[in-house]
Amino acid sequence: AGVAAILAGAMAFPASAYTADKEILTKKMQDALKPGQVTYARLYDIDKVDKADLQYVAQDMTAKRGKVFFEFCSLQNKEVVARMVVNPNLVKDGEGSIDPYIALSGEGVDKVREKFTKHFGKDVAVIGCGTVDFGMTVVLSAKLDFGTMNTSSLKAYAYDSSANAYTAIKDTDFVVDENGFLHFQTQKAGYIIVTQA
């Protein structure tokens, strides 16, 4: 499904915990599940989810004939500034974990923004993710300051700071909504560098 289809209906935001284990994921899935429909279970400021727990929930959800996407929301000053939408059915490797928290500011983001503004010689926006490779496609959404960028012609790169290497993200399916959120899909993250093509 494309970004627009995945985002349909994904917009309300109550509060939550910082860790999402199997019990929390299962409860959120059960609360959101409607047989025969695609629904969303929202969690806030989560910094770790084990892939095995996502696989467990996907199996349970399939048995109940529903489809729930997890929408991990990152807050700043009690407002949602970024989201990651994960389809647990896409988790193929149950080893390890993902960090769904997204940072739009802070020392690491600021250093990367400065480095790539110099490198590209133009405005860049930076999205900081705690995971370099999700091992599946996720949809990221972030409220960015686009500066002088033309939002109809954007390009994104995934920067792995530990390897000091970046690669172009292809087939992103960019959408910028009326609230200034950039929505796109990716398997690679680390730091996402967004700039005008």
N, C-alpha and C. Protein backbone atom coordinates (compact mmCIF):
# COMPACT_ATOMS: atom_id res chain seq x y z
N ALA A 1 0.85 -1.19 0.00
CA ALA A 1 0.00 0.00 0.00
C ALA A 1 0.88 1.24 0.00
N GLY A 2 0.45 2.29 -0.66
CA GLY A 2 1.19 3.54 -0.72
C GLY A 2 1.05 4.32 0.57
N VAL A 3 1.80 5.40 0.69
CA VAL A 3 1.80 6.23 1.89
C VAL A 3 0.40 6.76 2.18
N ALA A 4 -0.29 7.28 1.16
CA ALA A 4 -1.63 7.87 1.38
C ALA A 4 -2.59 6.82 1.92
N ALA A 5 -2.54 5.60 1.40
CA ALA A 5 -3.43 4.54 1.87
C ALA A 5 -3.12 4.16 3.31
N ILE A 6 -1.84 4.09 3.65
CA ILE A 6 -1.44 3.71 5.01
C ILE A 6 -1.83 4.79 6.01
N LEU A 7 -1.79 6.06 5.59
CA LEU A 7 -2.09 7.15 6.51
C LEU A 7 -3.58 7.37 6.73
N ALA A 8 -4.42 6.81 5.88
CA ALA A 8 -5.86 7.03 6.01
C ALA A 8 -6.31 6.63 7.41
N GLY A 9 -6.89 7.55 8.14
CA GLY A 9 -7.41 7.27 9.47
C GLY A 9 -6.38 7.31 10.59
N ALA A 10 -5.14 7.68 10.33
CA ALA A 10 -4.10 7.60 11.35
C ALA A 10 -3.79 8.98 11.92
N MET A 11 -4.69 9.54 12.80
CA MET A 11 -4.42 10.90 13.26
C MET A 11 -4.73 11.27 14.72
N ALA A 12 -5.30 10.47 15.62
CA ALA A 12 -5.59 10.90 17.00
C ALA A 12 -4.46 10.51 17.95
N PHE A 13 -4.25 11.26 19.06
CA PHE A 13 -3.03 11.02 19.85
C PHE A 13 -3.19 11.11 21.37
N PRO A 14 -3.59 10.05 22.13
CA PRO A 14 -3.50 10.06 23.59
C PRO A 14 -2.08 9.70 24.11
N ALA A 15 -1.84 9.54 25.43
CA ALA A 15 -0.48 9.31 25.95
C ALA A 15 -0.16 7.83 26.17
N SER A 16 1.15 7.49 26.35
CA SER A 16 1.50 6.08 26.54
C SER A 16 2.83 5.88 27.27
N ALA A 17 3.35 4.65 27.24
CA ALA A 17 4.57 4.28 27.96
C ALA A 17 5.81 4.50 27.09
N TYR A 18 6.99 4.13 27.63
CA TYR A 18 8.24 4.31 26.88
C TYR A 18 8.78 3.01 26.30
N THR A 19 8.26 1.87 26.77
CA THR A 19 8.69 0.59 26.23
C THR A 19 7.45 -0.13 25.74
N ALA A 20 7.56 -0.80 24.61
CA ALA A 20 6.41 -1.55 24.09
C ALA A 20 6.80 -3.02 24.04
N ASP A 21 6.35 -3.78 25.04
CA ASP A 21 6.62 -5.22 25.04
C ASP A 21 5.41 -5.95 24.45
N LYS A 22 5.49 -7.28 24.46
CA LYS A 22 4.43 -8.09 23.86
C LYS A 22 3.06 -7.79 24.48
N GLU A 23 3.00 -7.62 25.79
CA GLU A 23 1.72 -7.37 26.46
C GLU A 23 1.11 -6.03 26.03
N ILE A 24 1.95 -4.99 25.98
CA ILE A 24 1.45 -3.67 25.56
C ILE A 24 1.00 -3.71 24.11
N LEU A 25 1.81 -4.32 23.24
CA LEU A 25 1.45 -4.41 21.82
C LEU A 25 0.16 -5.21 21.63
N THR A 26 0.04 -6.32 22.35
CA THR A 26 -1.16 -7.16 22.23
C THR A 26 -2.40 -6.40 22.69
N LYS A 27 -2.29 -5.70 23.82
CA LYS A 27 -3.44 -4.93 24.33
C LYS A 27 -3.83 -3.84 23.34
N LYS A 28 -2.86 -3.10 22.82
CA LYS A 28 -3.15 -2.04 21.84
C LYS A 28 -3.79 -2.63 20.58
N MET A 29 -3.27 -3.79 20.14
CA MET A 29 -3.82 -4.45 18.95
C MET A 29 -5.26 -4.87 19.21
N GLN A 30 -5.52 -5.48 20.37
CA GLN A 30 -6.87 -5.94 20.68
C GLN A 30 -7.85 -4.78 20.78
N ASP A 31 -7.40 -3.64 21.35
CA ASP A 31 -8.26 -2.46 21.46
C ASP A 31 -8.61 -1.89 20.08
N ALA A 32 -7.67 -1.97 19.14
CA ALA A 32 -7.87 -1.36 17.82
C ALA A 32 -8.49 -2.32 16.80
N LEU A 33 -8.39 -3.62 17.03
CA LEU A 33 -8.77 -4.61 16.03
C LEU A 33 -10.26 -4.58 15.70
N LYS A 34 -10.54 -4.54 14.40
CA LYS A 34 -11.91 -4.67 13.89
C LYS A 34 -11.83 -5.66 12.74
N PRO A 35 -12.39 -6.87 12.93
CA PRO A 35 -12.26 -7.90 11.89
C PRO A 35 -12.64 -7.38 10.50
N GLY A 36 -11.77 -7.72 9.52
CA GLY A 36 -12.02 -7.34 8.14
C GLY A 36 -11.65 -5.90 7.80
N GLN A 37 -11.09 -5.15 8.76
CA GLN A 37 -10.72 -3.74 8.51
C GLN A 37 -9.27 -3.50 8.86
N VAL A 38 -8.71 -2.42 8.28
CA VAL A 38 -7.38 -1.96 8.65
C VAL A 38 -7.57 -0.87 9.70
N THR A 39 -6.93 -1.01 10.85
CA THR A 39 -7.03 -0.01 11.91
C THR A 39 -5.62 0.30 12.43
N TYR A 40 -5.54 1.28 13.32
CA TYR A 40 -4.26 1.75 13.85
C TYR A 40 -4.26 1.70 15.37
N ALA A 41 -3.15 1.22 15.93
CA ALA A 41 -2.94 1.26 17.37
C ALA A 41 -1.81 2.26 17.61
N ARG A 42 -2.08 3.29 18.41
CA ARG A 42 -1.12 4.37 18.60
C ARG A 42 -0.42 4.26 19.95
N LEU A 43 0.90 4.47 19.89
CA LEU A 43 1.74 4.49 21.09
C LEU A 43 2.62 5.72 21.01
N TYR A 44 3.06 6.22 22.17
CA TYR A 44 3.75 7.51 22.21
C TYR A 44 5.11 7.42 22.90
N ASP A 45 6.11 8.07 22.27
CA ASP A 45 7.47 8.15 22.81
C ASP A 45 8.04 6.78 23.19
N ILE A 46 7.86 5.82 22.34
CA ILE A 46 8.41 4.47 22.53
C ILE A 46 9.82 4.46 21.97
N ASP A 47 10.77 3.90 22.74
CA ASP A 47 12.15 3.87 22.25
C ASP A 47 12.66 2.47 21.95
N LYS A 48 11.84 1.43 22.13
CA LYS A 48 12.29 0.08 21.77
C LYS A 48 11.10 -0.84 21.60
N VAL A 49 11.15 -1.62 20.50
CA VAL A 49 10.16 -2.66 20.25
C VAL A 49 10.92 -3.87 19.70
N ASP A 50 10.76 -5.02 20.36
CA ASP A 50 11.40 -6.23 19.87
C ASP A 50 10.66 -6.75 18.64
N LYS A 51 11.42 -7.15 17.62
CA LYS A 51 10.81 -7.67 16.39
C LYS A 51 10.02 -8.96 16.67
N ALA A 52 10.49 -9.76 17.61
CA ALA A 52 9.79 -11.00 17.96
C ALA A 52 8.40 -10.69 18.51
N ASP A 53 8.27 -9.61 19.28
CA ASP A 53 6.97 -9.21 19.82
C ASP A 53 6.04 -8.74 18.70
N LEU A 54 6.59 -8.03 17.71
CA LEU A 54 5.77 -7.62 16.56
C LEU A 54 5.31 -8.85 15.78
N GLN A 55 6.17 -9.86 15.62
CA GLN A 55 5.77 -11.09 14.93
C GLN A 55 4.67 -11.82 15.69
N TYR A 56 4.79 -11.86 17.02
CA TYR A 56 3.78 -12.51 17.85
C TYR A 56 2.42 -11.84 17.64
N VAL A 57 2.42 -10.52 17.68
CA VAL A 57 1.16 -9.77 17.51
C VAL A 57 0.60 -9.99 16.10
N ALA A 58 1.46 -10.05 15.09
CA ALA A 58 1.00 -10.28 13.71
C ALA A 58 0.31 -11.63 13.59
N GLN A 59 0.85 -12.66 14.23
CA GLN A 59 0.22 -13.98 14.18
C GLN A 59 -1.12 -13.97 14.89
N ASP A 60 -1.18 -13.32 16.05
CA ASP A 60 -2.42 -13.23 16.81
C ASP A 60 -3.48 -12.46 16.01
N MET A 61 -3.06 -11.39 15.37
CA MET A 61 -3.97 -10.55 14.59
C MET A 61 -4.51 -11.32 13.39
N THR A 62 -3.66 -12.09 12.72
CA THR A 62 -4.08 -12.88 11.56
C THR A 62 -5.13 -13.90 11.98
N ALA A 63 -4.92 -14.52 13.13
CA ALA A 63 -5.89 -15.51 13.64
C ALA A 63 -7.24 -14.86 13.91
N LYS A 64 -7.25 -13.57 14.23
CA LYS A 64 -8.49 -12.85 14.54
C LYS A 64 -9.07 -12.13 13.32
N ARG A 65 -8.44 -12.34 12.16
CA ARG A 65 -8.91 -11.81 10.87
C ARG A 65 -9.03 -10.29 10.81
N GLY A 66 -8.03 -9.64 11.34
CA GLY A 66 -7.97 -8.18 11.26
C GLY A 66 -6.59 -7.74 10.84
N LYS A 67 -6.42 -6.43 10.67
CA LYS A 67 -5.12 -5.89 10.31
C LYS A 67 -4.93 -4.59 11.08
N VAL A 68 -3.93 -4.58 11.93
CA VAL A 68 -3.63 -3.40 12.75
C VAL A 68 -2.21 -2.94 12.42
N PHE A 69 -2.07 -1.67 12.08
CA PHE A 69 -0.76 -1.05 11.92
C PHE A 69 -0.45 -0.33 13.22
N PHE A 70 0.81 -0.40 13.67
CA PHE A 70 1.22 0.34 14.86
C PHE A 70 1.74 1.70 14.43
N GLU A 71 1.20 2.73 15.05
CA GLU A 71 1.61 4.10 14.77
C GLU A 71 2.34 4.61 16.01
N PHE A 72 3.68 4.69 15.91
CA PHE A 72 4.52 5.15 17.01
C PHE A 72 4.72 6.65 16.84
N CYS A 73 4.20 7.43 17.80
CA CYS A 73 4.24 8.90 17.71
C CYS A 73 5.32 9.45 18.64
N SER A 74 6.06 10.41 18.14
CA SER A 74 7.09 11.08 18.93
C SER A 74 6.59 12.48 19.28
N LEU A 75 6.69 12.83 20.57
CA LEU A 75 6.15 14.09 21.07
C LEU A 75 7.26 15.10 21.36
N GLN A 76 6.91 16.36 21.18
CA GLN A 76 7.78 17.47 21.59
C GLN A 76 6.84 18.54 22.13
N ASN A 77 7.06 18.96 23.37
CA ASN A 77 6.16 19.92 24.03
C ASN A 77 4.71 19.45 23.95
N LYS A 78 4.49 18.15 24.19
CA LYS A 78 3.18 17.51 24.22
C LYS A 78 2.45 17.51 22.88
N GLU A 79 3.16 17.79 21.80
CA GLU A 79 2.57 17.74 20.46
C GLU A 79 3.29 16.69 19.63
N VAL A 80 2.53 16.00 18.79
CA VAL A 80 3.13 15.01 17.90
C VAL A 80 3.90 15.75 16.81
N VAL A 81 5.21 15.43 16.71
CA VAL A 81 6.05 16.05 15.68
C VAL A 81 6.52 15.03 14.65
N ALA A 82 6.35 13.74 14.97
CA ALA A 82 6.77 12.70 14.04
C ALA A 82 6.04 11.40 14.35
N ARG A 83 5.92 10.56 13.32
CA ARG A 83 5.27 9.26 13.47
C ARG A 83 5.99 8.23 12.63
N MET A 84 5.94 6.99 13.11
CA MET A 84 6.42 5.85 12.33
C MET A 84 5.28 4.83 12.31
N VAL A 85 4.87 4.44 11.11
CA VAL A 85 3.81 3.44 10.98
C VAL A 85 4.47 2.12 10.58
N VAL A 86 4.20 1.09 11.41
CA VAL A 86 4.79 -0.23 11.20
C VAL A 86 3.68 -1.25 10.99
N ASN A 87 3.79 -2.02 9.92
CA ASN A 87 2.89 -3.14 9.67
C ASN A 87 3.59 -4.38 10.23
N PRO A 88 3.10 -4.94 11.35
CA PRO A 88 3.80 -6.08 11.96
C PRO A 88 3.87 -7.30 11.06
N ASN A 89 3.00 -7.39 10.07
CA ASN A 89 3.04 -8.51 9.13
C ASN A 89 4.28 -8.47 8.24
N LEU A 90 4.96 -7.33 8.17
CA LEU A 90 6.16 -7.20 7.33
C LEU A 90 7.43 -7.63 8.04
N VAL A 91 7.36 -7.90 9.34
CA VAL A 91 8.55 -8.31 10.10
C VAL A 91 8.88 -9.75 9.70
N LYS A 92 10.01 -9.93 9.04
CA LYS A 92 10.43 -11.26 8.57
C LYS A 92 11.45 -11.88 9.51
N ASP A 93 12.31 -11.07 10.08
CA ASP A 93 13.37 -11.54 10.95
C ASP A 93 13.01 -11.14 12.38
N GLY A 94 12.77 -12.12 13.24
CA GLY A 94 12.36 -11.84 14.62
C GLY A 94 13.51 -11.51 15.54
N GLU A 95 14.71 -11.41 15.01
CA GLU A 95 15.88 -11.09 15.82
C GLU A 95 16.02 -9.58 15.99
N GLY A 96 16.43 -9.16 17.16
CA GLY A 96 16.73 -7.75 17.40
C GLY A 96 15.49 -6.91 17.68
N SER A 97 15.69 -5.61 17.57
CA SER A 97 14.61 -4.67 17.90
C SER A 97 14.72 -3.46 16.98
N ILE A 98 13.69 -2.63 17.03
CA ILE A 98 13.73 -1.35 16.35
C ILE A 98 13.47 -0.26 17.38
N ASP A 99 13.97 0.91 17.10
CA ASP A 99 13.74 2.08 17.93
C ASP A 99 12.84 3.02 17.14
N PRO A 100 11.54 3.06 17.46
CA PRO A 100 10.62 3.89 16.68
C PRO A 100 10.58 5.37 17.06
N TYR A 101 11.40 5.78 18.05
CA TYR A 101 11.39 7.19 18.43
C TYR A 101 12.10 8.02 17.36
N ILE A 102 11.53 9.16 17.01
CA ILE A 102 12.08 10.04 15.99
C ILE A 102 12.41 11.39 16.61
N ALA A 103 13.63 11.88 16.38
CA ALA A 103 14.06 13.19 16.90
C ALA A 103 14.20 14.18 15.75
N LEU A 104 13.70 15.38 15.95
CA LEU A 104 13.83 16.44 14.94
C LEU A 104 14.77 17.54 15.40
N SER A 105 15.26 17.43 16.63
CA SER A 105 16.21 18.41 17.16
C SER A 105 17.10 17.71 18.16
N GLY A 106 18.08 18.42 18.65
CA GLY A 106 19.04 17.85 19.59
C GLY A 106 20.43 17.85 18.98
N GLU A 107 21.42 17.56 19.80
CA GLU A 107 22.83 17.66 19.38
C GLU A 107 23.14 16.84 18.13
N GLY A 108 22.74 15.57 18.11
CA GLY A 108 23.04 14.72 16.95
C GLY A 108 22.39 15.22 15.68
N VAL A 109 21.12 15.58 15.75
CA VAL A 109 20.39 16.10 14.59
C VAL A 109 21.02 17.40 14.11
N ASP A 110 21.36 18.28 15.06
CA ASP A 110 21.95 19.57 14.69
C ASP A 110 23.30 19.41 14.01
N LYS A 111 24.14 18.48 14.50
CA LYS A 111 25.45 18.25 13.88
C LYS A 111 25.30 17.70 12.46
N VAL A 112 24.36 16.78 12.28
CA VAL A 112 24.14 16.20 10.95
C VAL A 112 23.59 17.26 9.99
N ARG A 113 22.68 18.10 10.49
CA ARG A 113 22.13 19.18 9.65
C ARG A 113 23.25 20.11 9.19
N GLU A 114 24.13 20.50 10.11
CA GLU A 114 25.24 21.39 9.76
C GLU A 114 26.17 20.73 8.73
N LYS A 115 26.50 19.45 8.95
CA LYS A 115 27.40 18.72 8.05
C LYS A 115 26.82 18.65 6.63
N PHE A 116 25.53 18.31 6.51
CA PHE A 116 24.95 18.13 5.18
C PHE A 116 24.51 19.44 4.53
N THR A 117 24.28 20.47 5.29
CA THR A 117 24.04 21.79 4.70
C THR A 117 25.32 22.23 3.98
N LYS A 118 26.45 22.02 4.64
CA LYS A 118 27.74 22.34 4.01
C LYS A 118 28.00 21.44 2.80
N HIS A 119 27.77 20.15 2.97
CA HIS A 119 28.05 19.17 1.92
C HIS A 119 27.24 19.44 0.64
N PHE A 120 25.93 19.68 0.81
CA PHE A 120 25.07 19.89 -0.35
C PHE A 120 25.03 21.36 -0.79
N GLY A 121 25.43 22.27 0.10
CA GLY A 121 25.41 23.69 -0.23
C GLY A 121 24.01 24.26 -0.37
N LYS A 122 23.05 23.65 0.33
CA LYS A 122 21.66 24.14 0.32
C LYS A 122 20.94 23.66 1.57
N ASP A 123 19.72 24.16 1.77
CA ASP A 123 18.93 23.78 2.95
C ASP A 123 18.72 22.27 3.02
N VAL A 124 18.80 21.75 4.23
CA VAL A 124 18.44 20.36 4.49
C VAL A 124 17.59 20.30 5.75
N ALA A 125 16.74 19.30 5.82
CA ALA A 125 16.01 18.99 7.04
C ALA A 125 16.49 17.61 7.47
N VAL A 126 16.54 17.37 8.78
CA VAL A 126 17.08 16.12 9.30
C VAL A 126 16.08 15.46 10.23
N ILE A 127 15.92 14.16 10.03
CA ILE A 127 15.06 13.33 10.88
C ILE A 127 15.97 12.29 11.52
N GLY A 128 16.06 12.29 12.85
CA GLY A 128 16.92 11.35 13.56
C GLY A 128 16.16 10.12 14.01
N CYS A 129 16.60 8.95 13.56
CA CYS A 129 15.99 7.68 13.95
C CYS A 129 17.03 6.84 14.68
N GLY A 130 16.60 6.07 15.65
CA GLY A 130 17.52 5.23 16.40
C GLY A 130 17.86 3.92 15.72
N THR A 131 17.24 3.64 14.59
CA THR A 131 17.48 2.41 13.84
C THR A 131 18.04 2.76 12.48
N VAL A 132 19.10 2.08 12.06
CA VAL A 132 19.72 2.34 10.76
C VAL A 132 19.03 1.54 9.66
N ASP A 133 18.64 0.30 9.95
CA ASP A 133 17.97 -0.55 8.96
C ASP A 133 16.82 -1.27 9.66
N PHE A 134 15.58 -0.96 9.25
CA PHE A 134 14.40 -1.56 9.88
C PHE A 134 14.20 -3.00 9.46
N GLY A 135 14.75 -3.40 8.31
CA GLY A 135 14.55 -4.74 7.81
C GLY A 135 13.17 -4.95 7.20
N MET A 136 12.44 -3.86 7.02
CA MET A 136 11.10 -3.87 6.43
C MET A 136 10.78 -2.43 6.05
N THR A 137 9.77 -2.25 5.25
CA THR A 137 9.36 -0.89 4.91
C THR A 137 8.48 -0.33 6.01
N VAL A 138 8.79 0.88 6.44
CA VAL A 138 7.97 1.62 7.41
C VAL A 138 7.59 2.95 6.76
N VAL A 139 6.55 3.57 7.29
CA VAL A 139 6.19 4.91 6.83
C VAL A 139 6.58 5.89 7.93
N LEU A 140 7.38 6.88 7.57
CA LEU A 140 7.79 7.93 8.51
C LEU A 140 7.05 9.21 8.16
N SER A 141 6.67 9.97 9.17
CA SER A 141 6.04 11.27 9.01
C SER A 141 6.73 12.22 9.98
N ALA A 142 7.05 13.42 9.51
CA ALA A 142 7.71 14.39 10.38
C ALA A 142 7.33 15.80 9.98
N LYS A 143 7.11 16.65 10.99
CA LYS A 143 6.81 18.06 10.75
C LYS A 143 8.15 18.78 10.64
N LEU A 144 8.50 19.14 9.41
CA LEU A 144 9.83 19.68 9.13
C LEU A 144 9.78 21.16 8.75
N ASP A 145 10.91 21.83 8.97
CA ASP A 145 11.12 23.18 8.47
C ASP A 145 11.82 23.02 7.12
N PHE A 146 11.10 23.27 6.04
CA PHE A 146 11.64 23.06 4.71
C PHE A 146 12.47 24.25 4.21
N GLY A 147 12.51 25.35 4.96
CA GLY A 147 13.31 26.50 4.56
C GLY A 147 12.94 26.94 3.15
N THR A 148 13.92 27.00 2.27
CA THR A 148 13.68 27.44 0.89
C THR A 148 13.42 26.29 -0.08
N MET A 149 13.27 25.06 0.46
CA MET A 149 13.08 23.89 -0.41
C MET A 149 11.74 23.92 -1.12
N ASN A 150 11.74 23.47 -2.37
CA ASN A 150 10.52 23.26 -3.13
C ASN A 150 10.02 21.86 -2.74
N THR A 151 8.91 21.79 -2.01
CA THR A 151 8.44 20.51 -1.48
C THR A 151 7.88 19.58 -2.55
N SER A 152 7.75 20.07 -3.76
CA SER A 152 7.29 19.17 -4.83
C SER A 152 8.47 18.44 -5.49
N SER A 153 9.70 18.77 -5.10
CA SER A 153 10.86 18.06 -5.66
C SER A 153 11.88 17.80 -4.56
N LEU A 154 11.58 16.81 -3.72
CA LEU A 154 12.45 16.47 -2.59
C LEU A 154 13.20 15.17 -2.85
N LYS A 155 14.33 15.05 -2.20
CA LYS A 155 15.15 13.84 -2.27
C LYS A 155 15.56 13.53 -0.83
N ALA A 156 15.70 12.24 -0.53
CA ALA A 156 16.08 11.84 0.82
C ALA A 156 17.26 10.88 0.79
N TYR A 157 18.08 10.98 1.83
CA TYR A 157 19.24 10.12 2.01
C TYR A 157 19.21 9.54 3.41
N ALA A 158 19.66 8.30 3.56
CA ALA A 158 19.83 7.69 4.88
C ALA A 158 21.30 7.78 5.23
N TYR A 159 21.60 8.39 6.38
CA TYR A 159 22.97 8.56 6.82
C TYR A 159 23.24 7.70 8.05
N ASP A 160 24.21 6.81 7.93
CA ASP A 160 24.66 5.98 9.05
C ASP A 160 25.88 6.67 9.65
N SER A 161 25.69 7.33 10.78
CA SER A 161 26.78 8.12 11.37
C SER A 161 27.93 7.26 11.86
N SER A 162 27.66 6.02 12.28
CA SER A 162 28.75 5.17 12.77
C SER A 162 29.67 4.74 11.61
N ALA A 163 29.12 4.60 10.41
CA ALA A 163 29.93 4.25 9.23
C ALA A 163 30.32 5.49 8.43
N ASN A 164 29.79 6.66 8.80
CA ASN A 164 29.99 7.92 8.08
C ASN A 164 29.72 7.73 6.57
N ALA A 165 28.55 7.11 6.30
CA ALA A 165 28.18 6.84 4.90
C ALA A 165 26.70 7.16 4.72
N TYR A 166 26.36 7.68 3.53
CA TYR A 166 24.95 7.92 3.24
C TYR A 166 24.59 7.34 1.89
N THR A 167 23.31 6.96 1.76
CA THR A 167 22.80 6.40 0.50
C THR A 167 21.46 7.04 0.19
N ALA A 168 21.18 7.18 -1.10
CA ALA A 168 19.89 7.73 -1.51
C ALA A 168 18.78 6.75 -1.15
N ILE A 169 17.67 7.30 -0.69
CA ILE A 169 16.48 6.48 -0.44
C ILE A 169 15.62 6.58 -1.70
N LYS A 170 15.38 5.43 -2.31
CA LYS A 170 14.60 5.40 -3.56
C LYS A 170 13.16 5.02 -3.27
N ASP A 171 12.26 5.37 -4.19
CA ASP A 171 10.84 5.00 -4.09
C ASP A 171 10.23 5.43 -2.75
N THR A 172 10.46 6.68 -2.39
CA THR A 172 9.99 7.18 -1.10
C THR A 172 8.50 7.48 -1.07
N ASP A 173 7.88 7.78 -2.22
CA ASP A 173 6.45 8.10 -2.28
C ASP A 173 6.14 9.30 -1.36
N PHE A 174 6.90 10.41 -1.53
CA PHE A 174 6.73 11.61 -0.69
C PHE A 174 5.33 12.21 -0.79
N VAL A 175 4.79 12.59 0.37
CA VAL A 175 3.56 13.37 0.45
C VAL A 175 3.80 14.43 1.52
N VAL A 176 3.53 15.70 1.20
CA VAL A 176 3.57 16.77 2.21
C VAL A 176 2.12 17.20 2.42
N ASP A 177 1.62 17.05 3.66
CA ASP A 177 0.21 17.36 3.91
C ASP A 177 0.02 18.84 4.26
N GLU A 178 -1.24 19.21 4.47
CA GLU A 178 -1.57 20.62 4.72
C GLU A 178 -1.04 21.13 6.06
N ASN A 179 -0.62 20.22 6.96
CA ASN A 179 -0.06 20.62 8.25
C ASN A 179 1.46 20.69 8.24
N GLY A 180 2.07 20.50 7.06
CA GLY A 180 3.52 20.58 6.95
C GLY A 180 4.25 19.30 7.30
N PHE A 181 3.53 18.18 7.43
CA PHE A 181 4.17 16.90 7.70
C PHE A 181 4.61 16.27 6.39
N LEU A 182 5.85 15.82 6.35
CA LEU A 182 6.35 15.04 5.22
C LEU A 182 6.12 13.57 5.56
N HIS A 183 5.49 12.84 4.65
CA HIS A 183 5.23 11.41 4.82
C HIS A 183 5.96 10.67 3.71
N PHE A 184 6.65 9.59 4.07
CA PHE A 184 7.35 8.80 3.06
C PHE A 184 7.64 7.41 3.62
N GLN A 185 8.01 6.51 2.73
CA GLN A 185 8.33 5.15 3.15
C GLN A 185 9.81 4.87 2.95
N THR A 186 10.35 4.02 3.84
CA THR A 186 11.78 3.69 3.77
C THR A 186 12.05 2.40 4.54
N GLN A 187 13.14 1.74 4.21
CA GLN A 187 13.66 0.63 5.01
C GLN A 187 14.89 1.08 5.78
N LYS A 188 15.58 2.08 5.25
CA LYS A 188 16.82 2.57 5.85
C LYS A 188 16.55 3.88 6.59
N ALA A 189 17.30 4.11 7.66
CA ALA A 189 17.12 5.36 8.40
C ALA A 189 18.46 5.80 8.98
N GLY A 190 18.60 5.75 10.29
CA GLY A 190 19.72 6.41 10.94
C GLY A 190 19.32 7.88 11.02
N TYR A 191 20.02 8.71 10.28
CA TYR A 191 19.56 10.08 10.09
C TYR A 191 19.05 10.19 8.66
N ILE A 192 17.85 10.72 8.51
CA ILE A 192 17.29 10.95 7.17
C ILE A 192 17.57 12.40 6.81
N ILE A 193 18.24 12.61 5.69
CA ILE A 193 18.56 13.94 5.20
C ILE A 193 17.56 14.23 4.08
N VAL A 194 16.78 15.29 4.22
CA VAL A 194 15.82 15.68 3.19
C VAL A 194 16.28 17.00 2.58
N THR A 195 16.36 17.02 1.27
CA THR A 195 16.78 18.23 0.58
C THR A 195 16.07 18.33 -0.76
N GLN A 196 16.19 19.46 -1.39
CA GLN A 196 15.58 19.63 -2.70
C GLN A 196 16.42 18.87 -3.73
N ALA A 197 15.73 18.20 -4.65
CA ALA A 197 16.42 17.40 -5.67
C ALA A 197 17.18 18.31 -6.62
